[in-house]
PDB file of N, CA and C in Angstrom:
ATOM      1  N   UNK A   1     185.196 -29.763 110.527  1.00  0.00           N
ATOM      2  CA  UNK A   1     183.831 -29.384 110.825  1.00  0.00           C
ATOM      3  C   UNK A   1     183.011 -30.640 111.059  1.00  0.00           C
ATOM      4  N   UNK A   2     182.205 -30.612 112.075  1.00  0.00           N
ATOM      5  CA  UNK A   2     181.357 -31.758 112.389  1.00  0.00           C
ATOM      6  C   UNK A   2     180.229 -31.858 111.370  1.00  0.00           C
ATOM      7  N   UNK A   3     180.110 -33.017 110.758  1.00  0.00           N
ATOM      8  CA  UNK A   3     179.053 -33.267 109.781  1.00  0.00           C
ATOM      9  C   UNK A   3     177.761 -33.590 110.517  1.00  0.00           C
ATOM     10  N   UNK A   4     176.600 -33.243 109.927  1.00  0.00           N
ATOM     11  CA  UNK A   4     175.325 -33.575 110.571  1.00  0.00           C
ATOM     12  C   UNK A   4     175.241 -35.078 110.848  1.00  0.00           C
ATOM     13  N   UNK A   5     174.798 -35.428 112.038  1.00  0.00           N
ATOM     14  CA  UNK A   5     174.639 -36.827 112.403  1.00  0.00           C
ATOM     15  C   UNK A   5     175.914 -37.490 112.918  1.00  0.00           C
ATOM     16  N   UNK A   6     177.044 -36.797 112.871  1.00  0.00           N
ATOM     17  CA  UNK A   6     178.313 -37.362 113.350  1.00  0.00           C
ATOM     18  C   UNK A   6     178.494 -37.044 114.832  1.00  0.00           C
ATOM     19  N   UNK A   7     179.180 -37.947 115.535  1.00  0.00           N
ATOM     20  CA  UNK A   7     179.370 -37.758 116.971  1.00  0.00           C
ATOM     21  C   UNK A   7     180.411 -36.694 117.291  1.00  0.00           C
ATOM     22  N   UNK A   8     181.381 -36.482 116.385  1.00  0.00           N
ATOM     23  CA  UNK A   8     182.429 -35.516 116.650  1.00  0.00           C
ATOM     24  C   UNK A   8     183.515 -36.046 117.568  1.00  0.00           C
ATOM     25  N   UNK A   9     183.488 -37.339 117.882  1.00  0.00           N
ATOM     26  CA  UNK A   9     184.513 -37.939 118.730  1.00  0.00           C
ATOM     27  C   UNK A   9     185.869 -37.882 118.048  1.00  0.00           C
ATOM     28  N   UNK A  10     186.922 -37.826 118.845  1.00  0.00           N
ATOM     29  CA  UNK A  10     188.288 -37.826 118.329  1.00  0.00           C
ATOM     30  C   UNK A  10     188.569 -39.184 117.694  1.00  0.00           C
ATOM     31  N   UNK A  11     189.131 -39.161 116.486  1.00  0.00           N
ATOM     32  CA  UNK A  11     189.453 -40.385 115.767  1.00  0.00           C
ATOM     33  C   UNK A  11     190.916 -40.762 115.975  1.00  0.00           C
ATOM     34  N   UNK A  12     191.796 -39.766 115.988  1.00  0.00           N
ATOM     35  CA  UNK A  12     193.226 -40.042 116.095  1.00  0.00           C
ATOM     36  C   UNK A  12     193.892 -38.931 116.886  1.00  0.00           C
ATOM     37  N   UNK A  13     194.687 -39.317 117.855  1.00  0.00           N
ATOM     38  CA  UNK A  13     195.482 -38.362 118.613  1.00  0.00           C
ATOM     39  C   UNK A  13     196.892 -38.926 118.661  1.00  0.00           C
ATOM     40  N   UNK A  14     197.853 -38.181 118.130  1.00  0.00           N
ATOM     41  CA  UNK A  14     199.220 -38.679 117.983  1.00  0.00           C
ATOM     42  C   UNK A  14     200.179 -37.754 118.710  1.00  0.00           C
ATOM     43  N   UNK A  15     201.111 -38.326 119.430  1.00  0.00           N
ATOM     44  CA  UNK A  15     202.145 -37.562 120.125  1.00  0.00           C
ATOM     45  C   UNK A  15     203.374 -37.424 119.237  1.00  0.00           C
ATOM     46  N   UNK A  16     204.108 -36.352 119.452  1.00  0.00           N
ATOM     47  CA  UNK A  16     205.354 -36.093 118.739  1.00  0.00           C
ATOM     48  C   UNK A  16     206.421 -37.079 119.211  1.00  0.00           C
ATOM     49  N   UNK A  17     207.088 -37.736 118.274  1.00  0.00           N
ATOM     50  CA  UNK A  17     208.146 -38.689 118.610  1.00  0.00           C
ATOM     51  C   UNK A  17     209.541 -38.115 118.412  1.00  0.00           C
ATOM     52  N   UNK A  18     209.620 -36.885 117.958  1.00  0.00           N
ATOM     53  CA  UNK A  18     210.913 -36.284 117.632  1.00  0.00           C
ATOM     54  C   UNK A  18     211.479 -35.502 118.819  1.00  0.00           C
ATOM     55  N   UNK A  19     212.788 -35.359 118.835  1.00  0.00           N
ATOM     56  CA  UNK A  19     213.465 -34.587 119.875  1.00  0.00           C
ATOM     57  C   UNK A  19     213.071 -33.114 119.754  1.00  0.00           C
ATOM     58  N   UNK A  20     213.266 -32.370 120.824  1.00  0.00           N
ATOM     59  CA  UNK A  20     212.893 -30.951 120.829  1.00  0.00           C
ATOM     60  C   UNK A  20     213.639 -30.164 119.753  1.00  0.00           C
ATOM     61  N   UNK A  21     214.796 -30.651 119.311  1.00  0.00           N
ATOM     62  CA  UNK A  21     215.553 -29.971 118.255  1.00  0.00           C
ATOM     63  C   UNK A  21     214.792 -29.929 116.932  1.00  0.00           C
ATOM     64  N   UNK A  22     213.792 -30.794 116.775  1.00  0.00           N
ATOM     65  CA  UNK A  22     212.982 -30.804 115.547  1.00  0.00           C
ATOM     66  C   UNK A  22     211.994 -29.641 115.525  1.00  0.00           C
ATOM     67  N   UNK A  23     211.905 -28.908 116.611  1.00  0.00           N
ATOM     68  CA  UNK A  23     210.997 -27.763 116.663  1.00  0.00           C
ATOM     69  C   UNK A  23     209.619 -28.158 117.166  1.00  0.00           C
ATOM     70  N   UNK A  24     208.729 -27.191 117.136  1.00  0.00           N
ATOM     71  CA  UNK A  24     207.368 -27.396 117.608  1.00  0.00           C
ATOM     72  C   UNK A  24     206.533 -28.018 116.501  1.00  0.00           C
ATOM     73  N   UNK A  25     205.926 -29.163 116.767  1.00  0.00           N
ATOM     74  CA  UNK A  25     205.111 -29.785 115.727  1.00  0.00           C
ATOM     75  C   UNK A  25     203.860 -28.952 115.455  1.00  0.00           C
ATOM     76  N   UNK A  26     203.356 -29.028 114.236  1.00  0.00           N
ATOM     77  CA  UNK A  26     202.139 -28.277 113.924  1.00  0.00           C
ATOM     78  C   UNK A  26     200.943 -28.872 114.668  1.00  0.00           C
ATOM     79  N   UNK A  27     200.018 -28.036 114.999  1.00  0.00           N
ATOM     80  CA  UNK A  27     198.763 -28.506 115.598  1.00  0.00           C
ATOM     81  C   UNK A  27     197.698 -28.330 114.520  1.00  0.00           C
ATOM     82  N   UNK A  28     197.255 -29.420 113.962  1.00  0.00           N
ATOM     83  CA  UNK A  28     196.297 -29.404 112.860  1.00  0.00           C
ATOM     84  C   UNK A  28     194.932 -29.785 113.423  1.00  0.00           C
ATOM     85  N   UNK A  29     193.960 -28.940 113.206  1.00  0.00           N
ATOM     86  CA  UNK A  29     192.609 -29.201 113.685  1.00  0.00           C
ATOM     87  C   UNK A  29     191.713 -29.429 112.475  1.00  0.00           C
ATOM     88  N   UNK A  30     190.975 -30.508 112.524  1.00  0.00           N
ATOM     89  CA  UNK A  30     190.093 -30.888 111.422  1.00  0.00           C
ATOM     90  C   UNK A  30     188.734 -30.205 111.586  1.00  0.00           C
ATOM     91  N   UNK A  31     188.696 -28.905 111.297  1.00  0.00           N
ATOM     92  CA  UNK A  31     187.435 -28.173 111.429  1.00  0.00           C
ATOM     93  C   UNK A  31     186.962 -27.592 110.098  1.00  0.00           C
ATOM     94  N   UNK A  32     187.625 -27.962 109.010  1.00  0.00           N
ATOM     95  CA  UNK A  32     187.280 -27.463 107.689  1.00  0.00           C
ATOM     96  C   UNK A  32     186.961 -28.648 106.781  1.00  0.00           C
ATOM     97  N   UNK A  33     185.729 -28.751 106.276  1.00  0.00           N
ATOM     98  CA  UNK A  33     185.368 -29.889 105.430  1.00  0.00           C
ATOM     99  C   UNK A  33     186.151 -29.929 104.109  1.00  0.00           C
ATOM    100  N   UNK A  34     186.809 -28.826 103.753  1.00  0.00           N
ATOM    101  CA  UNK A  34     187.628 -28.782 102.535  1.00  0.00           C
ATOM    102  C   UNK A  34     189.061 -29.235 102.787  1.00  0.00           C
ATOM    103  N   UNK A  35     189.361 -29.649 104.002  1.00  0.00           N
ATOM    104  CA  UNK A  35     190.719 -30.021 104.363  1.00  0.00           C
ATOM    105  C   UNK A  35     190.861 -31.540 104.427  1.00  0.00           C
ATOM    106  N   UNK A  36     191.946 -32.031 103.817  1.00  0.00           N
ATOM    107  CA  UNK A  36     192.310 -33.445 103.904  1.00  0.00           C
ATOM    108  C   UNK A  36     193.598 -33.525 104.712  1.00  0.00           C
ATOM    109  N   UNK A  37     193.653 -34.444 105.669  1.00  0.00           N
ATOM    110  CA  UNK A  37     194.837 -34.605 106.509  1.00  0.00           C
ATOM    111  C   UNK A  37     195.324 -36.041 106.404  1.00  0.00           C
ATOM    112  N   UNK A  38     196.623 -36.202 106.187  1.00  0.00           N
ATOM    113  CA  UNK A  38     197.230 -37.525 106.168  1.00  0.00           C
ATOM    114  C   UNK A  38     198.366 -37.579 107.176  1.00  0.00           C
ATOM    115  N   UNK A  39     198.491 -38.720 107.851  1.00  0.00           N
ATOM    116  CA  UNK A  39     199.538 -38.915 108.850  1.00  0.00           C
ATOM    117  C   UNK A  39     200.398 -40.097 108.441  1.00  0.00           C
ATOM    118  N   UNK A  40     201.714 -39.966 108.639  1.00  0.00           N
ATOM    119  CA  UNK A  40     202.652 -41.035 108.313  1.00  0.00           C
ATOM    120  C   UNK A  40     203.632 -41.217 109.465  1.00  0.00           C
ATOM    121  N   UNK A  41     203.947 -42.477 109.731  1.00  0.00           N
ATOM    122  CA  UNK A  41     205.019 -42.790 110.672  1.00  0.00           C
ATOM    123  C   UNK A  41     205.722 -44.033 110.153  1.00  0.00           C
ATOM    124  N   UNK A  42     207.034 -43.944 109.970  1.00  0.00           N
ATOM    125  CA  UNK A  42     207.770 -45.114 109.483  1.00  0.00           C
ATOM    126  C   UNK A  42     208.209 -45.995 110.645  1.00  0.00           C
ATOM    127  N   UNK A  43     208.913 -47.052 110.349  1.00  0.00           N
ATOM    128  CA  UNK A  43     209.296 -48.034 111.375  1.00  0.00           C
ATOM    129  C   UNK A  43     210.287 -47.473 112.394  1.00  0.00           C
ATOM    130  N   UNK A  44     210.881 -46.310 112.083  1.00  0.00           N
ATOM    131  CA  UNK A  44     211.814 -45.664 113.005  1.00  0.00           C
ATOM    132  C   UNK A  44     211.126 -44.617 113.873  1.00  0.00           C
ATOM    133  N   UNK A  45     209.827 -44.446 113.678  1.00  0.00           N
ATOM    134  CA  UNK A  45     209.077 -43.453 114.434  1.00  0.00           C
ATOM    135  C   UNK A  45     209.126 -42.060 113.835  1.00  0.00           C
ATOM    136  N   UNK A  46     209.719 -41.918 112.651  1.00  0.00           N
ATOM    137  CA  UNK A  46     209.767 -40.616 111.977  1.00  0.00           C
ATOM    138  C   UNK A  46     208.363 -40.304 111.456  1.00  0.00           C
ATOM    139  N   UNK A  47     207.931 -39.072 111.709  1.00  0.00           N
ATOM    140  CA  UNK A  47     206.554 -38.687 111.427  1.00  0.00           C
ATOM    141  C   UNK A  47     206.462 -37.604 110.360  1.00  0.00           C
ATOM    142  N   UNK A  48     205.322 -37.604 109.656  1.00  0.00           N
ATOM    143  CA  UNK A  48     205.038 -36.572 108.662  1.00  0.00           C
ATOM    144  C   UNK A  48     203.536 -36.319 108.630  1.00  0.00           C
ATOM    145  N   UNK A  49     203.167 -35.104 108.266  1.00  0.00           N
ATOM    146  CA  UNK A  49     201.765 -34.709 108.121  1.00  0.00           C
ATOM    147  C   UNK A  49     201.565 -34.065 106.755  1.00  0.00           C
ATOM    148  N   UNK A  50     200.495 -34.458 106.094  1.00  0.00           N
ATOM    149  CA  UNK A  50     200.108 -33.914 104.798  1.00  0.00           C
ATOM    150  C   UNK A  50     198.796 -33.174 105.009  1.00  0.00           C
ATOM    151  N   UNK A  51     198.730 -31.929 104.573  1.00  0.00           N
ATOM    152  CA  UNK A  51     197.507 -31.141 104.716  1.00  0.00           C
ATOM    153  C   UNK A  51     197.167 -30.549 103.353  1.00  0.00           C
ATOM    154  N   UNK A  52     195.980 -30.889 102.852  1.00  0.00           N
ATOM    155  CA  UNK A  52     195.522 -30.426 101.538  1.00  0.00           C
ATOM    156  C   UNK A  52     194.234 -29.643 101.701  1.00  0.00           C
ATOM    157  N   UNK A  53     194.161 -28.494 101.032  1.00  0.00           N
ATOM    158  CA  UNK A  53     192.955 -27.684 101.027  1.00  0.00           C
ATOM    159  C   UNK A  53     192.281 -27.867  99.671  1.00  0.00           C
ATOM    160  N   UNK A  54     191.112 -28.494  99.669  1.00  0.00           N
ATOM    161  CA  UNK A  54     190.411 -28.764  98.412  1.00  0.00           C
ATOM    162  C   UNK A  54     189.954 -27.485  97.728  1.00  0.00           C
ATOM    163  N   UNK A  55     189.705 -26.437  98.486  1.00  0.00           N
ATOM    164  CA  UNK A  55     189.279 -25.166  97.909  1.00  0.00           C
ATOM    165  C   UNK A  55     190.387 -24.493  97.110  1.00  0.00           C
ATOM    166  N   UNK A  56     191.582 -24.469  97.668  1.00  0.00           N
ATOM    167  CA  UNK A  56     192.711 -23.820  96.992  1.00  0.00           C
ATOM    168  C   UNK A  56     193.535 -24.805  96.167  1.00  0.00           C
ATOM    169  N   UNK A  57     193.317 -26.124  96.401  1.00  0.00           N
ATOM    170  CA  UNK A  57     194.081 -27.204  95.763  1.00  0.00           C
ATOM    171  C   UNK A  57     195.571 -27.086  96.074  1.00  0.00           C
ATOM    172  N   UNK A  58     195.874 -26.608  97.272  1.00  0.00           N
ATOM    173  CA  UNK A  58     197.265 -26.494  97.724  1.00  0.00           C
ATOM    174  C   UNK A  58     197.500 -27.459  98.868  1.00  0.00           C
ATOM    175  N   UNK A  59     198.714 -28.039  98.866  1.00  0.00           N
ATOM    176  CA  UNK A  59     199.073 -29.001  99.897  1.00  0.00           C
ATOM    177  C   UNK A  59     200.389 -28.603 100.545  1.00  0.00           C
ATOM    178  N   UNK A  60     200.471 -28.869 101.828  1.00  0.00           N
ATOM    179  CA  UNK A  60     201.668 -28.621 102.628  1.00  0.00           C
ATOM    180  C   UNK A  60     202.071 -29.930 103.289  1.00  0.00           C
ATOM    181  N   UNK A  61     203.370 -30.138 103.388  1.00  0.00           N
ATOM    182  CA  UNK A  61     203.914 -31.311 104.052  1.00  0.00           C
ATOM    183  C   UNK A  61     204.782 -30.853 105.218  1.00  0.00           C
ATOM    184  N   UNK A  62     204.559 -31.434 106.371  1.00  0.00           N
ATOM    185  CA  UNK A  62     205.386 -31.201 107.554  1.00  0.00           C
ATOM    186  C   UNK A  62     206.115 -32.507 107.848  1.00  0.00           C
ATOM    187  N   UNK A  63     207.424 -32.441 108.085  1.00  0.00           N
ATOM    188  CA  UNK A  63     208.214 -33.637 108.351  1.00  0.00           C
ATOM    189  C   UNK A  63     209.073 -33.390 109.592  1.00  0.00           C
ATOM    190  N   UNK A  64     208.880 -34.189 110.615  1.00  0.00           N
ATOM    191  CA  UNK A  64     209.605 -33.995 111.861  1.00  0.00           C
ATOM    192  C   UNK A  64     211.107 -34.006 111.688  1.00  0.00           C
ATOM    193  N   UNK A  65     211.625 -34.946 110.917  1.00  0.00           N
ATOM    194  CA  UNK A  65     213.071 -35.036 110.723  1.00  0.00           C
ATOM    195  C   UNK A  65     213.651 -33.837 109.983  1.00  0.00           C
ATOM    196  N   UNK A  66     212.822 -33.137 109.234  1.00  0.00           N
ATOM    197  CA  UNK A  66     213.279 -31.966 108.478  1.00  0.00           C
ATOM    198  C   UNK A  66     212.970 -30.674 109.222  1.00  0.00           C
ATOM    199  N   UNK A  67     212.450 -30.794 110.440  1.00  0.00           N
ATOM    200  CA  UNK A  67     212.085 -29.617 111.233  1.00  0.00           C
ATOM    201  C   UNK A  67     210.602 -29.342 111.103  1.00  0.00           C
ATOM    202  N   UNK A  68     209.872 -29.565 112.161  1.00  0.00           N
ATOM    203  CA  UNK A  68     208.422 -29.417 112.133  1.00  0.00           C
ATOM    204  C   UNK A  68     207.955 -28.046 111.653  1.00  0.00           C
ATOM    205  N   UNK A  69     208.743 -27.026 111.906  1.00  0.00           N
ATOM    206  CA  UNK A  69     208.270 -25.668 111.624  1.00  0.00           C
ATOM    207  C   UNK A  69     208.422 -25.266 110.160  1.00  0.00           C
ATOM    208  N   UNK A  70     209.030 -26.124 109.351  1.00  0.00           N
ATOM    209  CA  UNK A  70     209.175 -25.853 107.924  1.00  0.00           C
ATOM    210  C   UNK A  70     208.012 -26.460 107.163  1.00  0.00           C
ATOM    211  N   UNK A  71     207.353 -25.646 106.342  1.00  0.00           N
ATOM    212  CA  UNK A  71     206.254 -26.111 105.506  1.00  0.00           C
ATOM    213  C   UNK A  71     206.806 -26.381 104.109  1.00  0.00           C
ATOM    214  N   UNK A  72     206.626 -27.611 103.629  1.00  0.00           N
ATOM    215  CA  UNK A  72     207.066 -27.972 102.282  1.00  0.00           C
ATOM    216  C   UNK A  72     205.865 -28.017 101.355  1.00  0.00           C
ATOM    217  N   UNK A  73     205.963 -27.338 100.236  1.00  0.00           N
ATOM    218  CA  UNK A  73     204.896 -27.336  99.250  1.00  0.00           C
ATOM    219  C   UNK A  73     204.883 -28.670  98.517  1.00  0.00           C
ATOM    220  N   UNK A  74     203.681 -29.199  98.329  1.00  0.00           N
ATOM    221  CA  UNK A  74     203.503 -30.436  97.580  1.00  0.00           C
ATOM    222  C   UNK A  74     202.918 -30.085  96.226  1.00  0.00           C
ATOM    223  N   UNK A  75     203.567 -30.569  95.172  1.00  0.00           N
ATOM    224  CA  UNK A  75     203.125 -30.312  93.801  1.00  0.00           C
ATOM    225  C   UNK A  75     202.953 -31.650  93.102  1.00  0.00           C
ATOM    226  N   UNK A  76     201.753 -31.896  92.609  1.00  0.00           N
ATOM    227  CA  UNK A  76     201.465 -33.143  91.889  1.00  0.00           C
ATOM    228  C   UNK A  76     201.916 -34.379  92.663  1.00  0.00           C
ATOM    229  N   UNK A  77     201.740 -34.382  93.954  1.00  0.00           N
ATOM    230  CA  UNK A  77     202.071 -35.540  94.768  1.00  0.00           C
ATOM    231  C   UNK A  77     203.540 -35.688  95.101  1.00  0.00           C
ATOM    232  N   UNK A  78     204.315 -34.627  94.922  1.00  0.00           N
ATOM    233  CA  UNK A  78     205.744 -34.664  95.238  1.00  0.00           C
ATOM    234  C   UNK A  78     206.122 -33.408  96.026  1.00  0.00           C
ATOM    235  N   UNK A  79     207.180 -33.524  96.817  1.00  0.00           N
ATOM    236  CA  UNK A  79     207.719 -32.384  97.566  1.00  0.00           C
ATOM    237  C   UNK A  79     209.100 -32.086  96.991  1.00  0.00           C
ATOM    238  N   UNK A  80     209.173 -31.219  95.977  1.00  0.00           N
ATOM    239  CA  UNK A  80     210.432 -31.007  95.264  1.00  0.00           C
ATOM    240  C   UNK A  80     211.583 -30.477  96.124  1.00  0.00           C
ATOM    241  N   UNK A  81     211.281 -29.836  97.235  1.00  0.00           N
ATOM    242  CA  UNK A  81     212.338 -29.271  98.081  1.00  0.00           C
ATOM    243  C   UNK A  81     212.771 -30.198  99.212  1.00  0.00           C
ATOM    244  N   UNK A  82     212.379 -31.471  99.128  1.00  0.00           N
ATOM    245  CA  UNK A  82     212.647 -32.401 100.218  1.00  0.00           C
ATOM    246  C   UNK A  82     213.030 -33.763  99.654  1.00  0.00           C
ATOM    247  N   UNK A  83     214.045 -34.364 100.232  1.00  0.00           N
ATOM    248  CA  UNK A  83     214.438 -35.718  99.845  1.00  0.00           C
ATOM    249  C   UNK A  83     213.716 -36.691 100.772  1.00  0.00           C
ATOM    250  N   UNK A  84     212.922 -37.579 100.172  1.00  0.00           N
ATOM    251  CA  UNK A  84     212.147 -38.546 100.926  1.00  0.00           C
ATOM    252  C   UNK A  84     212.546 -39.961 100.541  1.00  0.00           C
ATOM    253  N   UNK A  85     212.400 -40.893 101.477  1.00  0.00           N
ATOM    254  CA  UNK A  85     212.624 -42.300 101.194  1.00  0.00           C
ATOM    255  C   UNK A  85     211.460 -42.864 100.401  1.00  0.00           C
ATOM    256  N   UNK A  86     211.610 -44.085  99.925  1.00  0.00           N
ATOM    257  CA  UNK A  86     210.570 -44.704  99.091  1.00  0.00           C
ATOM    258  C   UNK A  86     209.235 -44.835  99.818  1.00  0.00           C
ATOM    259  N   UNK A  87     209.249 -45.246 101.075  1.00  0.00           N
ATOM    260  CA  UNK A  87     207.996 -45.380 101.822  1.00  0.00           C
ATOM    261  C   UNK A  87     207.298 -44.024 101.963  1.00  0.00           C
ATOM    262  N   UNK A  88     208.064 -42.982 102.264  1.00  0.00           N
ATOM    263  CA  UNK A  88     207.492 -41.634 102.383  1.00  0.00           C
ATOM    264  C   UNK A  88     206.926 -41.159 101.055  1.00  0.00           C
ATOM    265  N   UNK A  89     207.646 -41.432  99.965  1.00  0.00           N
ATOM    266  CA  UNK A  89     207.168 -41.031  98.632  1.00  0.00           C
ATOM    267  C   UNK A  89     205.858 -41.719  98.285  1.00  0.00           C
ATOM    268  N   UNK A  90     205.774 -43.004  98.550  1.00  0.00           N
ATOM    269  CA  UNK A  90     204.541 -43.736  98.253  1.00  0.00           C
ATOM    270  C   UNK A  90     203.378 -43.216  99.088  1.00  0.00           C
ATOM    271  N   UNK A  91     203.644 -42.937 100.363  1.00  0.00           N
ATOM    272  CA  UNK A  91     202.596 -42.382 101.222  1.00  0.00           C
ATOM    273  C   UNK A  91     202.143 -41.018 100.710  1.00  0.00           C
ATOM    274  N   UNK A  92     203.103 -40.166 100.337  1.00  0.00           N
ATOM    275  CA  UNK A  92     202.769 -38.835  99.852  1.00  0.00           C
ATOM    276  C   UNK A  92     201.926 -38.913  98.582  1.00  0.00           C
ATOM    277  N   UNK A  93     202.291 -39.796  97.669  1.00  0.00           N
ATOM    278  CA  UNK A  93     201.501 -39.980  96.437  1.00  0.00           C
ATOM    279  C   UNK A  93     200.095 -40.476  96.764  1.00  0.00           C
ATOM    280  N   UNK A  94     199.998 -41.390  97.730  1.00  0.00           N
ATOM    281  CA  UNK A  94     198.684 -41.906  98.125  1.00  0.00           C
ATOM    282  C   UNK A  94     197.825 -40.800  98.738  1.00  0.00           C
ATOM    283  N   UNK A  95     198.423 -39.944  99.552  1.00  0.00           N
ATOM    284  CA  UNK A  95     197.693 -38.809 100.129  1.00  0.00           C
ATOM    285  C   UNK A  95     197.193 -37.885  99.025  1.00  0.00           C
ATOM    286  N   UNK A  96     198.070 -37.595  98.065  1.00  0.00           N
ATOM    287  CA  UNK A  96     197.695 -36.709  96.956  1.00  0.00           C
ATOM    288  C   UNK A  96     196.504 -37.291  96.196  1.00  0.00           C
ATOM    289  N   UNK A  97     196.578 -38.569  95.887  1.00  0.00           N
ATOM    290  CA  UNK A  97     195.504 -39.227  95.150  1.00  0.00           C
ATOM    291  C   UNK A  97     194.208 -39.231  95.958  1.00  0.00           C
ATOM    292  N   UNK A  98     194.295 -39.536  97.243  1.00  0.00           N
ATOM    293  CA  UNK A  98     193.104 -39.544  98.094  1.00  0.00           C
ATOM    294  C   UNK A  98     192.491 -38.151  98.218  1.00  0.00           C
ATOM    295  N   UNK A  99     193.335 -37.140  98.333  1.00  0.00           N
ATOM    296  CA  UNK A  99     192.847 -35.769  98.526  1.00  0.00           C
ATOM    297  C   UNK A  99     192.281 -35.164  97.247  1.00  0.00           C
ATOM    298  N   UNK A 100     192.910 -35.476  96.124  1.00  0.00           N
ATOM    299  CA  UNK A 100     192.526 -34.826  94.874  1.00  0.00           C
ATOM    300  C   UNK A 100     191.680 -35.708  93.955  1.00  0.00           C
ATOM    301  N   UNK A 101     191.809 -37.023  94.114  1.00  0.00           N
ATOM    302  CA  UNK A 101     191.126 -37.933  93.198  1.00  0.00           C
ATOM    303  C   UNK A 101     191.847 -38.052  91.873  1.00  0.00           C
ATOM    304  N   UNK A 102     193.035 -37.430  91.792  1.00  0.00           N
ATOM    305  CA  UNK A 102     193.809 -37.414  90.552  1.00  0.00           C
ATOM    306  C   UNK A 102     195.267 -37.714  90.820  1.00  0.00           C
ATOM    307  N   UNK A 103     195.919 -38.268  89.843  1.00  0.00           N
ATOM    308  CA  UNK A 103     197.349 -38.531  89.973  1.00  0.00           C
ATOM    309  C   UNK A 103     198.153 -37.242  89.909  1.00  0.00           C
ATOM    310  N   UNK A 104     197.651 -36.211  89.240  1.00  0.00           N
ATOM    311  CA  UNK A 104     198.331 -34.925  89.188  1.00  0.00           C
ATOM    312  C   UNK A 104     197.294 -33.815  89.206  1.00  0.00           C
ATOM    313  N   UNK A 105     197.717 -32.621  89.582  1.00  0.00           N
ATOM    314  CA  UNK A 105     196.779 -31.492  89.636  1.00  0.00           C
ATOM    315  C   UNK A 105     196.335 -31.086  88.242  1.00  0.00           C
ATOM    316  N   UNK A 106     197.105 -31.410  87.232  1.00  0.00           N
ATOM    317  CA  UNK A 106     196.766 -31.037  85.859  1.00  0.00           C
ATOM    318  C   UNK A 106     195.567 -31.826  85.334  1.00  0.00           C
ATOM    319  N   UNK A 107     195.347 -33.038  85.858  1.00  0.00           N
ATOM    320  CA  UNK A 107     194.266 -33.857  85.337  1.00  0.00           C
ATOM    321  C   UNK A 107     192.952 -33.622  86.086  1.00  0.00           C
ATOM    322  N   UNK A 108     192.949 -32.713  87.048  1.00  0.00           N
ATOM    323  CA  UNK A 108     191.753 -32.470  87.855  1.00  0.00           C
ATOM    324  C   UNK A 108     191.132 -31.203  87.514  1.00  0.00           C
TER     325      UNK A 108
END
């Protein structure tokens, strides 16, 4: 959602780097002020998206290498159903902290 006094210009536009076998990437639109979006790309071009809803306190992770169309639930800054490398884990924890202001959902 455009905040009063903001230009509404696009800040980031990213293309999918994964093969078509990874499925259709999600199209995330930043039109909800309760939504936090995080983007990750490692040195190999592997991409991930973190989407957190501050109203529901629920987060979803999309990972191109794991199939864009699969939504992974994020709990306390971790994706228990997904094996991530150290860089991805650190990014995911940073997104959780930025979105929630807490290291875990229990402390918020």
